[in-house]
N, C-alpha and C. Protein backbone atom coordinates (compact mmCIF):
# COMPACT_ATOMS: atom_id res chain seq x y z
N MET A 1 -6.49 68.79 31.84
CA MET A 1 -6.87 69.93 31.49
C MET A 1 -8.46 70.23 31.48
N ASN A 2 -8.96 70.27 32.57
CA ASN A 2 -11.01 70.32 33.11
C ASN A 2 -11.41 71.16 31.82
N GLU A 3 -12.55 70.94 32.33
CA GLU A 3 -13.73 72.02 30.93
C GLU A 3 -13.21 73.34 31.00
N VAL A 4 -13.05 73.86 32.49
CA VAL A 4 -13.42 75.76 33.25
C VAL A 4 -11.80 75.66 32.19
N GLN A 5 -10.60 75.28 32.53
CA GLN A 5 -9.70 75.75 32.26
C GLN A 5 -9.66 75.66 30.37
N ALA A 6 -10.30 74.73 29.56
CA ALA A 6 -10.23 74.89 28.34
C ALA A 6 -11.04 76.22 27.93
N TRP A 7 -11.83 76.22 28.56
CA TRP A 7 -12.79 77.54 28.52
C TRP A 7 -11.78 78.87 28.34
N LEU A 8 -11.61 78.84 29.62
CA LEU A 8 -10.64 80.05 29.57
C LEU A 8 -9.63 80.08 29.06
N ALA A 9 -8.70 79.21 28.67
CA ALA A 9 -8.05 79.45 27.79
C ALA A 9 -8.28 79.67 26.44
N SER A 10 -9.52 79.38 25.74
CA SER A 10 -9.89 79.53 24.75
C SER A 10 -10.53 81.14 24.45
N LEU A 11 -10.71 81.51 25.77
CA LEU A 11 -11.41 83.18 25.76
C LEU A 11 -9.83 83.74 25.91
N LEU A 12 -9.20 83.14 26.48
CA LEU A 12 -7.45 84.04 26.38
C LEU A 12 -7.18 84.45 24.99
N VAL A 13 -7.34 83.02 24.17
CA VAL A 13 -6.40 82.93 22.60
C VAL A 13 -7.39 83.91 22.11
N LEU A 14 -9.10 83.79 21.92
CA LEU A 14 -9.63 85.09 21.34
C LEU A 14 -9.41 86.16 21.78
N GLY A 15 -9.21 86.82 22.98
CA GLY A 15 -9.08 87.88 23.10
C GLY A 15 -7.67 88.54 22.90
N GLY A 16 -6.85 87.45 22.67
CA GLY A 16 -5.34 87.89 22.37
C GLY A 16 -5.28 88.25 20.74
N ALA A 17 -6.08 87.24 20.45
CA ALA A 17 -6.31 87.53 18.80
C ALA A 17 -7.07 88.96 18.43
N VAL A 18 -7.56 89.18 18.74
CA VAL A 18 -8.67 90.43 18.56
C VAL A 18 -8.16 91.80 19.13
N ILE A 19 -7.40 91.41 20.31
CA ILE A 19 -6.45 92.48 20.46
C ILE A 19 -4.79 93.31 19.77
N SER A 20 -4.44 91.81 19.35
CA SER A 20 -3.46 91.73 18.47
C SER A 20 -3.70 92.24 17.16
N LEU A 21 -5.12 91.85 16.21
CA LEU A 21 -5.89 92.30 15.43
C LEU A 21 -6.19 93.57 15.28
N LEU A 22 -6.67 94.13 16.57
CA LEU A 22 -6.79 95.64 16.68
C LEU A 22 -5.65 96.63 16.25
N GLY A 23 -4.24 95.87 17.25
CA GLY A 23 -3.30 96.70 16.77
C GLY A 23 -2.75 96.65 15.59
N ALA A 24 -2.90 95.38 14.91
CA ALA A 24 -2.44 95.62 13.53
C ALA A 24 -3.18 96.82 12.38
N ILE A 25 -4.34 97.22 12.90
CA ILE A 25 -5.59 97.66 12.35
C ILE A 25 -4.75 99.07 12.63
N GLY A 26 -4.48 99.38 13.94
CA GLY A 26 -3.96 100.39 14.37
C GLY A 26 -2.72 101.06 13.35
N VAL A 27 -1.68 100.22 13.38
CA VAL A 27 -0.46 100.33 12.57
C VAL A 27 -0.78 100.72 11.16
N LEU A 28 -1.63 100.11 10.55
CA LEU A 28 -2.42 100.46 9.30
C LEU A 28 -3.28 101.98 9.32
N ARG A 29 -3.68 102.38 10.38
CA ARG A 29 -5.04 103.16 9.87
C ARG A 29 -4.26 104.70 10.94
N LEU A 30 -3.38 104.82 11.44
CA LEU A 30 -2.68 105.70 12.45
C LEU A 30 -2.10 106.76 11.82
N PRO A 31 -2.02 108.13 11.74
CA PRO A 31 -1.38 108.86 11.47
C PRO A 31 0.22 109.25 10.96
N ASP A 32 0.70 108.86 12.21
CA ASP A 32 1.88 109.36 12.58
C ASP A 32 2.96 107.92 12.66
N SER A 33 4.11 108.34 12.98
CA SER A 33 4.87 106.88 13.45
C SER A 33 5.11 106.49 14.91
N TYR A 34 4.91 108.13 15.34
CA TYR A 34 4.39 107.82 17.07
C TYR A 34 3.45 107.02 16.94
N SER A 35 2.21 107.14 16.86
CA SER A 35 0.86 106.62 16.75
C SER A 35 1.07 105.21 16.81
N ARG A 36 1.51 104.81 15.65
CA ARG A 36 1.99 103.77 15.29
C ARG A 36 2.21 102.82 15.89
N MET A 37 3.86 103.14 16.31
CA MET A 37 4.49 102.81 17.37
C MET A 37 3.48 102.17 18.63
N HIS A 38 3.14 103.27 19.07
CA HIS A 38 2.20 102.82 20.40
C HIS A 38 0.93 101.56 19.87
N ALA A 39 0.33 101.70 18.60
CA ALA A 39 -0.55 100.36 18.93
C ALA A 39 0.27 99.30 18.62
N ALA A 40 1.20 99.62 18.48
CA ALA A 40 1.99 97.73 17.49
C ALA A 40 2.67 97.43 19.32
N SER A 41 3.05 98.49 19.80
CA SER A 41 3.30 97.90 21.55
C SER A 41 2.91 97.53 22.03
N LYS A 42 1.80 98.51 22.79
CA LYS A 42 1.02 98.37 23.55
C LYS A 42 -0.19 96.59 23.05
N ALA A 43 -0.48 96.90 21.86
CA ALA A 43 -1.81 95.72 21.65
C ALA A 43 -0.92 95.02 21.36
N GLY A 44 0.29 94.53 20.98
CA GLY A 44 0.84 93.39 20.55
C GLY A 44 1.36 92.63 22.13
N VAL A 45 2.10 93.70 22.99
CA VAL A 45 2.23 92.82 24.20
C VAL A 45 1.33 92.56 24.71
N LEU A 46 -0.24 92.78 24.87
CA LEU A 46 -1.18 92.85 25.60
C LEU A 46 -1.85 91.34 24.79
N GLY A 47 -1.72 91.47 23.46
CA GLY A 47 -2.08 90.35 22.93
C GLY A 47 -1.16 88.85 22.72
N ALA A 48 -0.15 89.12 22.81
CA ALA A 48 0.88 88.31 23.03
C ALA A 48 0.23 87.65 24.77
N VAL A 49 0.23 88.47 25.70
CA VAL A 49 0.13 88.28 27.16
C VAL A 49 -0.87 87.16 27.09
N LEU A 50 -1.85 87.51 26.72
CA LEU A 50 -2.82 86.73 26.49
C LEU A 50 -2.99 85.62 25.86
N LEU A 51 -2.03 85.45 24.51
CA LEU A 51 -1.68 84.12 23.94
C LEU A 51 -0.75 82.99 24.78
N LEU A 52 -0.16 83.74 25.26
CA LEU A 52 0.90 83.14 26.24
C LEU A 52 0.43 82.54 27.34
N GLY A 53 -0.26 83.56 27.97
CA GLY A 53 -1.40 82.93 29.17
C GLY A 53 -2.41 82.01 28.84
N ALA A 54 -2.70 81.67 27.75
CA ALA A 54 -3.77 80.66 27.38
C ALA A 54 -2.71 79.60 27.21
N VAL A 55 -1.51 79.56 26.46
CA VAL A 55 -0.45 78.37 26.12
C VAL A 55 -0.15 77.74 27.72
N ALA A 56 0.20 79.00 28.61
CA ALA A 56 0.76 78.05 30.19
C ALA A 56 -0.38 77.78 30.91
N LEU A 57 -1.98 78.17 30.80
CA LEU A 57 -3.37 77.28 31.13
C LEU A 57 -3.48 76.27 30.53
N ALA A 58 -3.20 76.01 29.05
CA ALA A 58 -3.43 74.77 28.54
C ALA A 58 -2.59 73.89 29.04
N SER A 59 -1.20 73.96 28.88
CA SER A 59 -0.32 73.16 29.03
C SER A 59 0.19 72.72 30.48
N SER A 60 1.12 71.83 30.73
CA SER A 60 1.64 71.71 32.15
C SER A 60 3.08 71.68 31.91
N GLY A 61 3.83 71.99 32.89
CA GLY A 61 4.83 71.53 32.80
C GLY A 61 5.94 72.27 32.31
N GLU A 62 6.60 71.76 31.47
CA GLU A 62 8.23 72.25 30.93
C GLU A 62 7.29 73.33 30.15
N LEU A 63 6.31 73.36 28.70
CA LEU A 63 5.66 74.25 27.98
C LEU A 63 5.24 75.28 28.99
N ALA A 64 4.59 75.06 29.92
CA ALA A 64 4.08 76.37 30.58
C ALA A 64 5.17 77.27 30.88
N LEU A 65 6.43 76.73 32.13
CA LEU A 65 7.67 77.51 31.94
C LEU A 65 8.43 78.01 30.93
N GLU A 66 8.46 77.58 29.44
CA GLU A 66 8.64 78.40 28.26
C GLU A 66 8.08 79.59 28.03
N ALA A 67 6.07 79.36 28.03
CA ALA A 67 5.54 80.42 28.05
C ALA A 67 5.68 81.61 29.03
N PHE A 68 5.99 81.09 30.20
CA PHE A 68 6.15 81.96 31.37
C PHE A 68 7.48 82.77 30.68
N ILE A 69 8.34 82.29 30.65
CA ILE A 69 9.73 82.86 30.59
C ILE A 69 9.80 83.81 28.78
N GLY A 70 9.20 83.47 28.01
CA GLY A 70 8.75 83.98 26.72
C GLY A 70 8.35 85.09 27.21
N LEU A 71 7.11 85.26 28.40
CA LEU A 71 6.31 86.33 28.77
C LEU A 71 7.35 87.30 29.14
N LEU A 72 8.23 86.68 30.38
CA LEU A 72 8.95 87.44 30.92
C LEU A 72 9.97 88.54 29.78
N ILE A 73 10.58 87.97 29.11
CA ILE A 73 11.18 88.41 28.15
C ILE A 73 10.43 89.40 26.66
N LEU A 74 9.05 89.07 26.94
CA LEU A 74 8.46 90.12 26.24
C LEU A 74 8.02 91.15 26.48
N LEU A 75 8.12 91.16 28.29
CA LEU A 75 7.65 92.13 29.12
C LEU A 75 8.88 93.23 29.41
N ALA A 76 9.88 92.31 29.28
CA ALA A 76 11.52 93.29 29.47
C ALA A 76 11.71 93.63 28.13
N SER A 77 11.50 93.17 27.08
CA SER A 77 12.28 94.07 25.93
C SER A 77 11.28 95.40 24.95
N ALA A 78 9.83 95.22 25.18
CA ALA A 78 8.73 95.64 24.14
C ALA A 78 8.86 96.85 24.58
N PRO A 79 9.13 97.65 25.98
CA PRO A 79 8.66 99.08 26.01
C PRO A 79 10.49 99.49 25.89
N LEU A 80 11.07 98.75 25.57
CA LEU A 80 12.34 99.27 25.29
C LEU A 80 12.82 99.82 23.90
N ALA A 81 12.04 98.78 23.36
CA ALA A 81 12.03 98.71 21.88
C ALA A 81 11.37 100.08 20.99
N ALA A 82 9.99 99.92 22.18
CA ALA A 82 8.95 101.09 21.92
C ALA A 82 9.73 102.40 21.85
N HIS A 83 10.54 102.72 23.08
CA HIS A 83 11.34 103.76 23.50
C HIS A 83 12.35 103.95 22.31
N ALA A 84 13.21 103.39 22.09
CA ALA A 84 14.08 103.19 20.98
C ALA A 84 13.28 104.19 19.59
N ILE A 85 12.54 102.80 19.14
CA ILE A 85 12.15 103.56 18.25
C ILE A 85 11.58 105.06 18.11
N ALA A 86 11.19 105.41 19.28
CA ALA A 86 10.35 106.92 19.31
C ALA A 86 11.53 107.60 19.58
N ARG A 87 12.66 107.17 20.38
CA ARG A 87 13.74 108.17 20.52
C ARG A 87 14.27 108.34 18.71
N ALA A 88 14.87 107.45 18.09
CA ALA A 88 15.20 107.59 16.77
C ALA A 88 14.67 108.30 16.07
N ALA A 89 13.17 108.29 16.17
CA ALA A 89 12.09 109.26 15.21
C ALA A 89 12.38 110.85 15.51
N HIS A 90 12.35 110.59 16.77
CA HIS A 90 12.72 112.25 17.80
C HIS A 90 13.86 112.75 16.73
N ARG A 91 14.95 112.27 16.81
CA ARG A 91 16.01 112.68 16.44
C ARG A 91 16.32 112.40 15.01
N ALA A 92 15.54 111.98 14.11
CA ALA A 92 15.62 111.82 12.44
C ALA A 92 14.54 113.27 12.29
N GLY A 93 14.01 113.61 13.55
CA GLY A 93 13.33 115.10 12.94
C GLY A 93 11.83 114.81 13.00
N ILE A 94 11.28 113.29 13.14
CA ILE A 94 9.72 113.02 12.56
C ILE A 94 9.05 113.66 13.59
N ARG A 95 7.64 114.40 13.54
CA ARG A 95 7.44 115.08 14.42
C ARG A 95 5.61 114.63 14.03
N PRO A 96 5.23 114.49 15.53
CA PRO A 96 4.14 114.14 15.19
C PRO A 96 2.81 114.98 14.95
N THR A 97 2.08 114.21 14.02
CA THR A 97 1.06 115.23 12.82
C THR A 97 0.06 116.07 13.80
N LEU A 98 -0.64 115.23 14.90
CA LEU A 98 -1.47 115.35 16.05
C LEU A 98 -0.46 116.95 16.72
N GLY A 99 -1.70 117.35 17.54
CA GLY A 99 -0.86 118.87 18.07
C GLY A 99 -0.36 118.53 19.65
N ARG A 100 0.45 118.61 19.90
CA ARG A 100 1.52 118.48 20.97
C ARG A 100 1.63 119.60 22.37
N LEU A 101 1.96 119.82 23.12
CA LEU A 101 2.07 120.74 23.91
C LEU A 101 3.47 121.25 24.04
N GLY A 102 4.56 120.43 23.62
CA GLY A 102 5.90 120.94 23.75
C GLY A 102 6.88 119.47 23.90
N ASP A 103 8.51 120.27 23.10
CA ASP A 103 8.99 119.28 23.28
C ASP A 103 9.91 119.13 24.18
N GLU A 104 9.72 118.23 25.47
CA GLU A 104 10.82 118.42 26.45
C GLU A 104 12.35 117.73 26.11
N LEU A 105 12.03 116.62 25.52
CA LEU A 105 13.06 116.34 25.00
C LEU A 105 14.51 117.11 24.67
N GLU A 106 13.77 117.84 23.41
CA GLU A 106 14.89 119.08 22.84
C GLU A 106 14.89 120.03 23.87
N GLN A 107 13.91 120.49 24.88
CA GLN A 107 14.80 121.68 25.84
C GLN A 107 15.41 120.88 26.43
N ARG A 108 15.27 119.53 26.67
CA ARG A 108 16.30 119.18 28.18
C ARG A 108 17.85 119.05 26.69
N ASN A 109 17.65 118.77 26.11
CA ASN A 109 18.67 118.15 25.05
C ASN A 109 19.42 119.72 25.02
N ARG A 110 18.73 120.98 24.87
CA ARG A 110 19.56 122.19 24.65
C ARG A 110 20.22 122.88 25.91
N GLY A 111 19.77 121.95 27.07
CA GLY A 111 20.24 122.47 28.49
C GLY A 111 19.20 123.45 29.02
N GLY A 112 18.19 123.19 29.08
CA GLY A 112 16.81 123.37 29.67
C GLY A 112 16.29 124.82 29.86
N GLU A 113 16.69 125.03 28.99
CA GLU A 113 16.04 126.84 28.63
C GLU A 113 14.40 127.04 28.95
């Protein structure tokens, strides 16, 4: 690995760590489950993408392939998990603390009134 790759991998690690830290702070500080879920899923995925990108860049061969496969699994599963958590919170009757314009899912479930 040359010096440019090492610097780029270091920047990716630093960026991934900072974004993951911001996501963790968001989980602790945001007011409701929907906002916390959003912070955890978006920042967690972006932080992990940057970290796995650093692993793939800093290594070669099999480890880079494993990082890429992990990235694909993460990109496929994180949105599904976030959707499942939000849907479960909605079905449990948990409402956002911030204002909202309407409940489209509830209207659809009642028959589209």
